[in-house]
């Protein structure tokens, strides 16, 4: 298991790999959506004169 940073989007996500280097699972899609929501919320708050930072996580079962 490793934390990885996507070159194109800068999203940091977790991936699980087999001993052969095959990707078995990752949470890239949920982290990318969470990051987009973070930016949307921050931009909306900034337009209202509020400076904020947030961190969102989604849990999929």
N, C-alpha and C. Protein backbone atom coordinates (compact mmCIF):
# COMPACT_ATOMS: atom_id res chain seq x y z
N UNK A 1 0.86 -1.17 0.00
CA UNK A 1 0.00 0.00 0.00
C UNK A 1 0.91 1.23 0.00
N UNK A 2 0.51 2.24 -0.79
CA UNK A 2 1.34 3.44 -0.90
C UNK A 2 0.46 4.66 -1.15
N UNK A 3 0.95 5.80 -0.71
CA UNK A 3 0.33 7.08 -1.05
C UNK A 3 1.02 7.59 -2.31
N UNK A 4 0.22 8.03 -3.27
CA UNK A 4 0.74 8.43 -4.57
C UNK A 4 0.19 9.80 -4.92
N UNK A 5 0.99 10.60 -5.62
CA UNK A 5 0.53 11.91 -6.09
C UNK A 5 0.43 11.87 -7.61
N UNK A 6 -0.77 12.13 -8.13
CA UNK A 6 -0.98 12.15 -9.58
C UNK A 6 -0.27 13.35 -10.18
N UNK A 7 0.47 13.14 -11.23
CA UNK A 7 1.25 14.20 -11.86
C UNK A 7 0.34 15.24 -12.50
N UNK A 8 -0.70 14.79 -13.19
CA UNK A 8 -1.55 15.72 -13.93
C UNK A 8 -2.45 16.56 -13.05
N UNK A 9 -2.99 15.99 -11.96
CA UNK A 9 -3.96 16.72 -11.14
C UNK A 9 -3.41 17.13 -9.77
N UNK A 10 -2.32 16.54 -9.34
CA UNK A 10 -1.77 16.84 -8.02
C UNK A 10 -2.53 16.19 -6.87
N UNK A 11 -3.48 15.31 -7.20
CA UNK A 11 -4.27 14.63 -6.17
C UNK A 11 -3.43 13.56 -5.50
N UNK A 12 -3.42 13.55 -4.18
CA UNK A 12 -2.73 12.51 -3.42
C UNK A 12 -3.76 11.45 -3.06
N UNK A 13 -3.46 10.20 -3.41
CA UNK A 13 -4.40 9.12 -3.15
C UNK A 13 -3.65 7.87 -2.70
N UNK A 14 -4.40 6.89 -2.22
CA UNK A 14 -3.83 5.64 -1.74
C UNK A 14 -4.06 4.56 -2.78
N UNK A 15 -3.06 3.74 -2.98
CA UNK A 15 -3.18 2.61 -3.90
C UNK A 15 -2.64 1.35 -3.25
N UNK A 16 -3.26 0.23 -3.58
CA UNK A 16 -2.81 -1.07 -3.09
C UNK A 16 -2.32 -1.85 -4.29
N UNK A 17 -1.08 -2.36 -4.19
CA UNK A 17 -0.48 -3.06 -5.32
C UNK A 17 -0.10 -4.48 -4.93
N UNK A 18 -0.08 -5.35 -5.92
CA UNK A 18 0.35 -6.73 -5.72
C UNK A 18 1.88 -6.75 -5.70
N UNK A 19 2.47 -7.85 -5.24
CA UNK A 19 3.93 -7.96 -5.28
C UNK A 19 4.50 -7.84 -6.70
N UNK A 20 3.68 -8.10 -7.71
CA UNK A 20 4.13 -7.99 -9.11
C UNK A 20 4.01 -6.56 -9.64
N UNK A 21 3.49 -5.64 -8.83
CA UNK A 21 3.35 -4.25 -9.26
C UNK A 21 2.02 -3.92 -9.90
N UNK A 22 1.07 -4.86 -9.88
CA UNK A 22 -0.25 -4.60 -10.44
C UNK A 22 -1.09 -3.81 -9.44
N UNK A 23 -1.83 -2.82 -9.92
CA UNK A 23 -2.71 -2.05 -9.04
C UNK A 23 -3.95 -2.88 -8.75
N UNK A 24 -4.20 -3.14 -7.46
CA UNK A 24 -5.35 -3.93 -7.05
C UNK A 24 -6.54 -3.03 -6.71
N UNK A 25 -6.26 -1.89 -6.11
CA UNK A 25 -7.32 -0.95 -5.72
C UNK A 25 -6.70 0.42 -5.49
N UNK A 26 -7.51 1.46 -5.67
CA UNK A 26 -7.07 2.81 -5.34
C UNK A 26 -8.29 3.68 -5.07
N UNK A 27 -8.05 4.82 -4.45
CA UNK A 27 -9.14 5.74 -4.14
C UNK A 27 -8.97 7.07 -4.89
N UNK A 28 -8.39 6.99 -6.09
CA UNK A 28 -8.13 8.19 -6.89
C UNK A 28 -9.42 8.95 -7.19
N UNK A 29 -10.44 8.26 -7.68
CA UNK A 29 -11.68 8.94 -8.09
C UNK A 29 -12.33 9.68 -6.93
N UNK A 30 -12.42 9.03 -5.77
CA UNK A 30 -13.06 9.70 -4.63
C UNK A 30 -12.23 10.86 -4.12
N UNK A 31 -10.90 10.74 -4.13
CA UNK A 31 -10.05 11.85 -3.69
C UNK A 31 -10.11 13.01 -4.68
N UNK A 32 -10.20 12.71 -5.98
CA UNK A 32 -10.29 13.79 -6.97
C UNK A 32 -11.60 14.55 -6.80
N UNK A 33 -12.70 13.83 -6.62
CA UNK A 33 -13.99 14.49 -6.39
C UNK A 33 -13.95 15.31 -5.11
N UNK A 34 -13.37 14.75 -4.05
CA UNK A 34 -13.26 15.48 -2.78
C UNK A 34 -12.45 16.76 -2.96
N UNK A 35 -11.38 16.68 -3.71
CA UNK A 35 -10.55 17.87 -3.93
C UNK A 35 -11.30 18.93 -4.72
N UNK A 36 -12.07 18.50 -5.72
CA UNK A 36 -12.87 19.45 -6.49
C UNK A 36 -13.91 20.13 -5.60
N UNK A 37 -14.52 19.37 -4.70
CA UNK A 37 -15.49 19.95 -3.77
C UNK A 37 -14.82 20.92 -2.81
N UNK A 38 -13.62 20.58 -2.34
CA UNK A 38 -12.86 21.48 -1.47
C UNK A 38 -12.63 22.81 -2.17
N UNK A 39 -12.17 22.76 -3.42
CA UNK A 39 -11.88 23.98 -4.17
C UNK A 39 -13.15 24.79 -4.42
N UNK A 40 -14.25 24.10 -4.75
CA UNK A 40 -15.53 24.77 -4.98
C UNK A 40 -15.99 25.50 -3.72
N UNK A 41 -15.92 24.81 -2.58
CA UNK A 41 -16.32 25.42 -1.31
C UNK A 41 -15.42 26.60 -0.96
N UNK A 42 -14.11 26.43 -1.08
CA UNK A 42 -13.18 27.51 -0.77
C UNK A 42 -13.43 28.73 -1.65
N UNK A 43 -13.66 28.51 -2.95
CA UNK A 43 -13.90 29.62 -3.86
C UNK A 43 -15.21 30.33 -3.54
N UNK A 44 -16.24 29.58 -3.19
CA UNK A 44 -17.52 30.19 -2.82
C UNK A 44 -17.37 31.03 -1.55
N UNK A 45 -16.70 30.49 -0.55
CA UNK A 45 -16.50 31.23 0.69
C UNK A 45 -15.66 32.48 0.44
N UNK A 46 -14.64 32.34 -0.41
CA UNK A 46 -13.78 33.49 -0.72
C UNK A 46 -14.58 34.60 -1.38
N UNK A 47 -15.54 34.24 -2.25
CA UNK A 47 -16.37 35.26 -2.90
C UNK A 47 -17.27 35.98 -1.91
N UNK A 48 -17.48 35.38 -0.74
CA UNK A 48 -18.28 36.00 0.32
C UNK A 48 -17.40 36.72 1.33
N UNK A 49 -16.08 36.76 1.07
CA UNK A 49 -15.15 37.45 1.96
C UNK A 49 -14.62 36.59 3.09
N UNK A 50 -14.79 35.28 2.98
CA UNK A 50 -14.33 34.36 4.02
C UNK A 50 -13.16 33.56 3.47
N UNK A 51 -12.04 33.60 4.17
CA UNK A 51 -10.88 32.82 3.77
C UNK A 51 -10.87 31.54 4.61
N UNK A 52 -10.90 30.40 3.94
CA UNK A 52 -10.97 29.13 4.65
C UNK A 52 -10.20 28.05 3.89
N UNK A 53 -9.80 27.04 4.61
CA UNK A 53 -9.22 25.83 4.05
C UNK A 53 -10.00 24.66 4.62
N UNK A 54 -10.16 23.64 3.83
CA UNK A 54 -10.87 22.47 4.33
C UNK A 54 -10.25 21.21 3.75
N UNK A 55 -10.59 20.10 4.35
CA UNK A 55 -10.13 18.80 3.89
C UNK A 55 -11.30 17.85 3.98
N UNK A 56 -11.70 17.29 2.85
CA UNK A 56 -12.84 16.37 2.82
C UNK A 56 -12.36 14.97 2.52
N UNK A 57 -13.02 14.00 3.11
CA UNK A 57 -12.79 12.60 2.82
C UNK A 57 -14.12 11.94 2.55
N UNK A 58 -14.14 11.03 1.62
CA UNK A 58 -15.35 10.27 1.39
C UNK A 58 -15.05 8.81 1.72
N UNK A 59 -16.06 8.13 2.20
CA UNK A 59 -15.89 6.72 2.56
C UNK A 59 -16.85 5.91 1.72
N UNK A 60 -16.31 4.96 0.97
CA UNK A 60 -17.11 4.11 0.08
C UNK A 60 -17.09 2.70 0.63
N UNK A 61 -18.24 2.10 0.68
CA UNK A 61 -18.32 0.69 1.12
C UNK A 61 -19.02 -0.13 0.09
